[in-house]
Amino acid sequence: MMIHEQYPKLYFYRRLVQAKIFIDTHYADPIDLDNIADEAYFSKFHFIRTFKTIYRKTPHQYLITVRIDKAMELLKADFPVSEVCYDVGFESLSSFSRLFKRITSSTASAFVMQQQEIKETMALSPLSFIPACFAEKNGWIKK
């Protein structure tokens, strides 16, 4: 009896995880709520409520977060802002810029400049980016 009661819940969560993985995999594609809800085999409105309950964000908010996180990775790798915008699935530079600033509290170009400064500082003083206990253990610094 207990197994039968748990199975629907497990199946339900698997479908939600499947939708999350769909977003993680297809974030750069022009996907919308209908595509994501279809992936989980839920009605759109039920899916939004359920996804938000589990992940604390609506599917759209989660998609934006994934896109901005991926954009930050690409910007750290020195890709141009305009290229990154389209590579992560945004259709306009202005919406990308607005959302990037809202989520990170920094413009994309300021983020790039900050990353360049960090790289320069690391090149000049690499030991300052390594935990002292680790550096000491390996004989790179002395007590």
N, C-alpha and C. Protein backbone atom coordinates (compact mmCIF):
# COMPACT_ATOMS: atom_id res chain seq x y z
N MET A 1 0.83 -1.20 0.00
CA MET A 1 0.00 0.00 0.00
C MET A 1 0.88 1.26 0.00
N MET A 2 1.93 1.28 0.82
CA MET A 2 2.81 2.44 0.93
C MET A 2 3.52 2.73 -0.39
N ILE A 3 3.93 1.70 -1.10
CA ILE A 3 4.63 1.87 -2.37
C ILE A 3 3.71 2.54 -3.38
N HIS A 4 2.46 2.14 -3.43
CA HIS A 4 1.52 2.73 -4.38
C HIS A 4 1.26 4.20 -4.10
N GLU A 5 1.30 4.61 -2.84
CA GLU A 5 1.08 6.01 -2.49
C GLU A 5 2.29 6.86 -2.86
N GLN A 6 3.49 6.30 -2.77
CA GLN A 6 4.71 7.05 -3.08
C GLN A 6 4.95 7.17 -4.57
N TYR A 7 4.51 6.19 -5.35
CA TYR A 7 4.80 6.18 -6.78
C TYR A 7 4.27 7.42 -7.50
N PRO A 8 3.02 7.82 -7.30
CA PRO A 8 2.55 9.02 -8.01
C PRO A 8 3.37 10.26 -7.65
N LYS A 9 3.77 10.40 -6.39
CA LYS A 9 4.57 11.54 -5.97
C LYS A 9 5.93 11.53 -6.66
N LEU A 10 6.56 10.36 -6.70
CA LEU A 10 7.85 10.21 -7.34
C LEU A 10 7.74 10.52 -8.84
N TYR A 11 6.73 10.01 -9.47
CA TYR A 11 6.50 10.27 -10.89
C TYR A 11 6.29 11.75 -11.14
N PHE A 12 5.54 12.39 -10.27
CA PHE A 12 5.26 13.82 -10.33
C PHE A 12 6.56 14.64 -10.26
N TYR A 13 7.43 14.31 -9.29
CA TYR A 13 8.70 15.03 -9.14
C TYR A 13 9.65 14.78 -10.30
N ARG A 14 9.63 13.56 -10.81
CA ARG A 14 10.48 13.26 -11.97
C ARG A 14 10.09 14.14 -13.16
N ARG A 15 8.81 14.35 -13.35
CA ARG A 15 8.36 15.19 -14.46
C ARG A 15 8.82 16.64 -14.26
N LEU A 16 8.79 17.12 -13.03
CA LEU A 16 9.28 18.48 -12.75
C LEU A 16 10.78 18.59 -13.00
N VAL A 17 11.52 17.60 -12.54
CA VAL A 17 12.97 17.59 -12.76
C VAL A 17 13.25 17.52 -14.27
N GLN A 18 12.46 16.75 -14.98
CA GLN A 18 12.62 16.64 -16.43
C GLN A 18 12.43 18.01 -17.09
N ALA A 19 11.47 18.78 -16.61
CA ALA A 19 11.24 20.13 -17.15
C ALA A 19 12.41 21.05 -16.81
N LYS A 20 12.95 20.93 -15.60
CA LYS A 20 14.10 21.75 -15.20
C LYS A 20 15.31 21.41 -16.06
N ILE A 21 15.53 20.14 -16.30
CA ILE A 21 16.65 19.71 -17.15
C ILE A 21 16.44 20.21 -18.58
N PHE A 22 15.21 20.23 -19.02
CA PHE A 22 14.89 20.77 -20.36
C PHE A 22 15.32 22.23 -20.44
N ILE A 23 15.03 23.01 -19.40
CA ILE A 23 15.44 24.41 -19.37
C ILE A 23 16.97 24.50 -19.35
N ASP A 24 17.61 23.71 -18.50
CA ASP A 24 19.07 23.73 -18.40
C ASP A 24 19.74 23.39 -19.72
N THR A 25 19.13 22.52 -20.49
CA THR A 25 19.71 22.06 -21.74
C THR A 25 19.39 22.99 -22.92
N HIS A 26 18.19 23.54 -22.93
CA HIS A 26 17.72 24.31 -24.08
C HIS A 26 17.59 25.81 -23.80
N TYR A 27 18.31 26.30 -22.79
CA TYR A 27 18.19 27.71 -22.39
C TYR A 27 18.45 28.68 -23.54
N ALA A 28 19.30 28.32 -24.48
CA ALA A 28 19.66 29.24 -25.58
C ALA A 28 18.64 29.20 -26.72
N ASP A 29 17.76 28.23 -26.69
CA ASP A 29 16.74 28.11 -27.74
C ASP A 29 15.56 29.04 -27.43
N PRO A 30 14.78 29.33 -28.44
CA PRO A 30 13.59 30.18 -28.19
C PRO A 30 12.45 29.35 -27.58
N ILE A 31 12.63 28.95 -26.33
CA ILE A 31 11.60 28.16 -25.64
C ILE A 31 10.68 29.08 -24.87
N ASP A 32 9.45 28.61 -24.69
CA ASP A 32 8.50 29.38 -23.90
C ASP A 32 7.82 28.44 -22.90
N LEU A 33 6.93 28.99 -22.14
CA LEU A 33 6.27 28.24 -21.08
C LEU A 33 5.53 27.02 -21.62
N ASP A 34 4.92 27.15 -22.79
CA ASP A 34 4.21 26.00 -23.37
C ASP A 34 5.17 24.84 -23.64
N ASN A 35 6.35 25.15 -24.19
CA ASN A 35 7.35 24.10 -24.46
C ASN A 35 7.75 23.39 -23.17
N ILE A 36 7.99 24.18 -22.14
CA ILE A 36 8.48 23.61 -20.87
C ILE A 36 7.38 22.79 -20.19
N ALA A 37 6.16 23.32 -20.15
CA ALA A 37 5.04 22.60 -19.53
C ALA A 37 4.75 21.31 -20.29
N ASP A 38 4.85 21.35 -21.61
CA ASP A 38 4.64 20.15 -22.42
C ASP A 38 5.68 19.08 -22.08
N GLU A 39 6.90 19.51 -21.82
CA GLU A 39 7.97 18.58 -21.47
C GLU A 39 7.64 17.83 -20.19
N ALA A 40 6.95 18.49 -19.27
CA ALA A 40 6.60 17.86 -17.99
C ALA A 40 5.21 17.22 -18.02
N TYR A 41 4.49 17.35 -19.13
CA TYR A 41 3.14 16.81 -19.27
C TYR A 41 2.17 17.39 -18.24
N PHE A 42 2.27 18.71 -18.02
CA PHE A 42 1.37 19.42 -17.11
C PHE A 42 0.64 20.49 -17.89
N SER A 43 -0.51 20.90 -17.36
CA SER A 43 -1.14 22.11 -17.91
C SER A 43 -0.26 23.29 -17.51
N LYS A 44 -0.31 24.33 -18.29
CA LYS A 44 0.57 25.48 -18.07
C LYS A 44 0.43 26.06 -16.67
N PHE A 45 -0.78 26.30 -16.23
CA PHE A 45 -0.99 26.98 -14.95
C PHE A 45 -0.64 26.08 -13.76
N HIS A 46 -0.96 24.81 -13.86
CA HIS A 46 -0.58 23.86 -12.80
C HIS A 46 0.94 23.75 -12.74
N PHE A 47 1.57 23.72 -13.90
CA PHE A 47 3.02 23.61 -13.97
C PHE A 47 3.70 24.81 -13.30
N ILE A 48 3.24 26.02 -13.58
CA ILE A 48 3.84 27.22 -12.99
C ILE A 48 3.77 27.14 -11.46
N ARG A 49 2.60 26.84 -10.94
CA ARG A 49 2.43 26.76 -9.48
C ARG A 49 3.35 25.70 -8.87
N THR A 50 3.36 24.54 -9.48
CA THR A 50 4.13 23.43 -8.94
C THR A 50 5.64 23.70 -9.03
N PHE A 51 6.09 24.20 -10.17
CA PHE A 51 7.51 24.50 -10.36
C PHE A 51 7.96 25.53 -9.33
N LYS A 52 7.15 26.57 -9.12
CA LYS A 52 7.51 27.61 -8.16
C LYS A 52 7.55 27.07 -6.74
N THR A 53 6.67 26.16 -6.41
CA THR A 53 6.67 25.55 -5.08
C THR A 53 7.96 24.78 -4.84
N ILE A 54 8.42 24.06 -5.84
CA ILE A 54 9.61 23.23 -5.68
C ILE A 54 10.90 24.04 -5.80
N TYR A 55 11.00 24.91 -6.83
CA TYR A 55 12.26 25.61 -7.12
C TYR A 55 12.29 27.07 -6.66
N ARG A 56 11.20 27.54 -6.08
CA ARG A 56 11.11 28.91 -5.54
C ARG A 56 11.24 30.00 -6.61
N LYS A 57 11.05 29.63 -7.85
CA LYS A 57 11.03 30.57 -8.97
C LYS A 57 10.04 30.05 -9.99
N THR A 58 9.46 30.96 -10.74
CA THR A 58 8.61 30.49 -11.85
C THR A 58 9.54 29.91 -12.92
N PRO A 59 9.02 29.12 -13.84
CA PRO A 59 9.87 28.60 -14.90
C PRO A 59 10.55 29.72 -15.70
N HIS A 60 9.85 30.80 -15.93
CA HIS A 60 10.44 31.92 -16.67
C HIS A 60 11.58 32.57 -15.87
N GLN A 61 11.37 32.77 -14.58
CA GLN A 61 12.44 33.33 -13.73
C GLN A 61 13.65 32.41 -13.71
N TYR A 62 13.39 31.11 -13.65
CA TYR A 62 14.49 30.15 -13.65
C TYR A 62 15.24 30.20 -14.98
N LEU A 63 14.52 30.27 -16.09
CA LEU A 63 15.14 30.36 -17.42
C LEU A 63 16.03 31.60 -17.51
N ILE A 64 15.55 32.73 -17.03
CA ILE A 64 16.34 33.96 -17.05
C ILE A 64 17.60 33.79 -16.20
N THR A 65 17.46 33.19 -15.03
CA THR A 65 18.61 32.96 -14.15
C THR A 65 19.66 32.08 -14.83
N VAL A 66 19.21 31.01 -15.48
CA VAL A 66 20.14 30.12 -16.18
C VAL A 66 20.84 30.88 -17.29
N ARG A 67 20.10 31.67 -18.05
CA ARG A 67 20.70 32.43 -19.15
C ARG A 67 21.73 33.44 -18.63
N ILE A 68 21.43 34.13 -17.55
CA ILE A 68 22.37 35.11 -17.00
C ILE A 68 23.60 34.40 -16.44
N ASP A 69 23.42 33.26 -15.76
CA ASP A 69 24.57 32.49 -15.26
C ASP A 69 25.48 32.06 -16.40
N LYS A 70 24.88 31.57 -17.49
CA LYS A 70 25.67 31.15 -18.66
C LYS A 70 26.35 32.36 -19.29
N ALA A 71 25.66 33.49 -19.32
CA ALA A 71 26.25 34.72 -19.87
C ALA A 71 27.47 35.12 -19.04
N MET A 72 27.38 35.03 -17.74
CA MET A 72 28.52 35.37 -16.88
C MET A 72 29.72 34.47 -17.18
N GLU A 73 29.46 33.19 -17.39
CA GLU A 73 30.55 32.26 -17.74
C GLU A 73 31.23 32.69 -19.04
N LEU A 74 30.42 33.02 -20.05
CA LEU A 74 30.98 33.42 -21.34
C LEU A 74 31.71 34.75 -21.25
N LEU A 75 31.17 35.68 -20.48
CA LEU A 75 31.83 36.97 -20.31
C LEU A 75 33.17 36.80 -19.60
N LYS A 76 33.23 35.90 -18.64
CA LYS A 76 34.50 35.62 -17.95
C LYS A 76 35.53 35.05 -18.92
N ALA A 77 35.04 34.37 -19.97
CA ALA A 77 35.93 33.77 -20.98
C ALA A 77 36.24 34.75 -22.11
N ASP A 78 35.94 36.03 -21.89
CA ASP A 78 36.28 37.12 -22.82
C ASP A 78 35.49 37.13 -24.12
N PHE A 79 34.28 36.61 -24.12
CA PHE A 79 33.43 36.74 -25.30
C PHE A 79 32.81 38.13 -25.30
N PRO A 80 32.57 38.73 -26.45
CA PRO A 80 31.96 40.07 -26.51
C PRO A 80 30.51 40.05 -25.98
N VAL A 81 30.11 41.14 -25.36
CA VAL A 81 28.79 41.24 -24.74
C VAL A 81 27.68 40.97 -25.75
N SER A 82 27.76 41.57 -26.93
CA SER A 82 26.69 41.39 -27.92
C SER A 82 26.59 39.93 -28.37
N GLU A 83 27.72 39.28 -28.51
CA GLU A 83 27.71 37.86 -28.91
C GLU A 83 27.11 37.00 -27.81
N VAL A 84 27.49 37.28 -26.57
CA VAL A 84 26.99 36.52 -25.43
C VAL A 84 25.47 36.66 -25.33
N CYS A 85 24.98 37.85 -25.52
CA CYS A 85 23.55 38.12 -25.45
C CYS A 85 22.76 37.14 -26.32
N TYR A 86 23.15 37.00 -27.56
CA TYR A 86 22.42 36.14 -28.49
C TYR A 86 22.74 34.66 -28.27
N ASP A 87 23.96 34.36 -27.84
CA ASP A 87 24.36 32.97 -27.60
C ASP A 87 23.58 32.32 -26.46
N VAL A 88 23.15 33.11 -25.48
CA VAL A 88 22.42 32.53 -24.34
C VAL A 88 20.91 32.61 -24.51
N GLY A 89 20.45 33.12 -25.66
CA GLY A 89 19.03 33.04 -25.95
C GLY A 89 18.23 34.32 -25.86
N PHE A 90 18.88 35.46 -25.61
CA PHE A 90 18.14 36.72 -25.60
C PHE A 90 17.98 37.22 -27.02
N GLU A 91 16.87 37.88 -27.27
CA GLU A 91 16.60 38.36 -28.63
C GLU A 91 17.00 39.81 -28.83
N SER A 92 17.25 40.53 -27.74
CA SER A 92 17.68 41.92 -27.88
C SER A 92 18.71 42.27 -26.83
N LEU A 93 19.64 43.09 -27.24
CA LEU A 93 20.71 43.52 -26.35
C LEU A 93 20.16 44.35 -25.19
N SER A 94 19.12 45.13 -25.45
CA SER A 94 18.57 45.97 -24.38
C SER A 94 17.91 45.14 -23.28
N SER A 95 17.16 44.10 -23.66
CA SER A 95 16.53 43.26 -22.62
C SER A 95 17.61 42.48 -21.85
N PHE A 96 18.64 42.00 -22.57
CA PHE A 96 19.74 41.32 -21.90
C PHE A 96 20.42 42.25 -20.91
N SER A 97 20.74 43.46 -21.35
CA SER A 97 21.44 44.42 -20.48
C SER A 97 20.61 44.76 -19.25
N ARG A 98 19.33 44.98 -19.45
CA ARG A 98 18.44 45.34 -18.34
C ARG A 98 18.36 44.19 -17.31
N LEU A 99 18.17 42.97 -17.80
CA LEU A 99 18.06 41.82 -16.89
C LEU A 99 19.40 41.50 -16.23
N PHE A 100 20.49 41.63 -16.97
CA PHE A 100 21.81 41.38 -16.40
C PHE A 100 22.06 42.32 -15.23
N LYS A 101 21.75 43.59 -15.43
CA LYS A 101 21.97 44.58 -14.36
C LYS A 101 21.04 44.32 -13.18
N ARG A 102 19.79 43.97 -13.45
CA ARG A 102 18.84 43.71 -12.37
C ARG A 102 19.28 42.51 -11.52
N ILE A 103 19.81 41.48 -12.17
CA ILE A 103 20.18 40.26 -11.44
C ILE A 103 21.54 40.37 -10.78
N THR A 104 22.52 40.99 -11.47
CA THR A 104 23.89 41.01 -10.94
C THR A 104 24.26 42.34 -10.28
N SER A 105 23.41 43.34 -10.39
CA SER A 105 23.68 44.70 -9.87
C SER A 105 24.86 45.35 -10.58
N SER A 106 25.15 44.90 -11.77
CA SER A 106 26.26 45.45 -12.55
C SER A 106 25.90 45.35 -14.02
N THR A 107 26.39 46.27 -14.81
CA THR A 107 26.17 46.14 -16.25
C THR A 107 27.10 45.05 -16.78
N ALA A 108 26.78 44.53 -17.94
CA ALA A 108 27.61 43.47 -18.53
C ALA A 108 29.03 43.99 -18.80
N SER A 109 29.13 45.22 -19.32
CA SER A 109 30.48 45.74 -19.61
C SER A 109 31.26 46.00 -18.33
N ALA A 110 30.60 46.45 -17.26
CA ALA A 110 31.29 46.64 -15.98
C ALA A 110 31.74 45.28 -15.43
N PHE A 111 30.91 44.26 -15.63
CA PHE A 111 31.27 42.90 -15.20
C PHE A 111 32.52 42.43 -15.93
N VAL A 112 32.58 42.67 -17.25
CA VAL A 112 33.74 42.29 -18.05
C VAL A 112 34.99 43.01 -17.54
N MET A 113 34.87 44.30 -17.28
CA MET A 113 36.02 45.07 -16.78
C MET A 113 36.48 44.52 -15.42
N GLN A 114 35.53 44.20 -14.55
CA GLN A 114 35.86 43.65 -13.24
C GLN A 114 36.60 42.31 -13.39
N GLN A 115 36.15 41.47 -14.31
CA GLN A 115 36.80 40.17 -14.54
C GLN A 115 38.22 40.36 -15.08
N GLN A 116 38.41 41.36 -15.94
CA GLN A 116 39.74 41.65 -16.48
C GLN A 116 40.67 42.11 -15.36
N GLU A 117 40.16 42.95 -14.46
CA GLU A 117 40.96 43.40 -13.32
C GLU A 117 41.35 42.23 -12.42
N ILE A 118 40.42 41.32 -12.19
CA ILE A 118 40.71 40.14 -11.37
C ILE A 118 41.80 39.30 -12.02
N LYS A 119 41.71 39.10 -13.33
CA LYS A 119 42.74 38.32 -14.05
C LYS A 119 44.10 38.98 -13.96
N GLU A 120 44.13 40.31 -14.09
CA GLU A 120 45.39 41.04 -13.99
C GLU A 120 45.99 40.90 -12.59
N THR A 121 45.14 41.04 -11.58
CA THR A 121 45.59 40.91 -10.20
C THR A 121 46.11 39.50 -9.93
N MET A 122 45.42 38.50 -10.47
CA MET A 122 45.86 37.11 -10.30
C MET A 122 47.22 36.88 -10.95
N ALA A 123 47.43 37.52 -12.12
CA ALA A 123 48.71 37.36 -12.81
C ALA A 123 49.84 38.00 -12.01
N LEU A 124 49.55 39.14 -11.38
CA LEU A 124 50.58 39.84 -10.61
C LEU A 124 50.84 39.20 -9.25
N SER A 125 49.80 38.69 -8.64
CA SER A 125 49.93 38.15 -7.28
C SER A 125 49.10 36.87 -7.13
N PRO A 126 49.52 35.78 -7.77
CA PRO A 126 48.71 34.56 -7.74
C PRO A 126 48.52 33.96 -6.35
N LEU A 127 49.50 34.12 -5.46
CA LEU A 127 49.36 33.53 -4.13
C LEU A 127 48.26 34.18 -3.30
N SER A 128 47.88 35.39 -3.64
CA SER A 128 46.80 36.03 -2.87
C SER A 128 45.44 35.40 -3.17
N PHE A 129 45.36 34.53 -4.18
CA PHE A 129 44.11 33.86 -4.53
C PHE A 129 44.09 32.40 -4.09
N ILE A 130 45.12 32.00 -3.37
CA ILE A 130 45.22 30.63 -2.88
C ILE A 130 45.12 30.68 -1.36
N PRO A 131 44.31 29.82 -0.75
CA PRO A 131 44.22 29.82 0.71
C PRO A 131 45.61 29.65 1.33
N ALA A 132 45.90 30.46 2.35
CA ALA A 132 47.22 30.45 2.98
C ALA A 132 47.60 29.08 3.51
N CYS A 133 46.63 28.35 4.08
CA CYS A 133 46.94 27.03 4.63
C CYS A 133 47.40 26.08 3.52
N PHE A 134 46.80 26.18 2.35
CA PHE A 134 47.19 25.34 1.22
C PHE A 134 48.57 25.72 0.70
N ALA A 135 48.80 27.03 0.56
CA ALA A 135 50.11 27.51 0.08
C ALA A 135 51.22 27.13 1.06
N GLU A 136 50.92 27.26 2.35
CA GLU A 136 51.92 26.92 3.37
C GLU A 136 52.23 25.43 3.36
N LYS A 137 51.20 24.60 3.24
CA LYS A 137 51.35 23.15 3.20
C LYS A 137 52.24 22.72 2.03
N ASN A 138 52.14 23.43 0.91
CA ASN A 138 52.93 23.09 -0.28
C ASN A 138 54.27 23.82 -0.34
N GLY A 139 54.59 24.56 0.70
CA GLY A 139 55.89 25.23 0.78
C GLY A 139 56.00 26.49 -0.07
N TRP A 140 54.89 27.05 -0.47
CA TRP A 140 54.93 28.26 -1.31
C TRP A 140 55.12 29.52 -0.48
N ILE A 141 54.68 29.45 0.77
CA ILE A 141 54.92 30.58 1.70
C ILE A 141 55.37 29.99 3.03
N LYS A 142 56.02 30.83 3.82
CA LYS A 142 56.47 30.37 5.14
C LYS A 142 55.67 31.10 6.22
N LYS A 143 55.62 30.47 7.39
CA LYS A 143 54.86 31.04 8.51
C LYS A 143 55.38 32.38 8.93
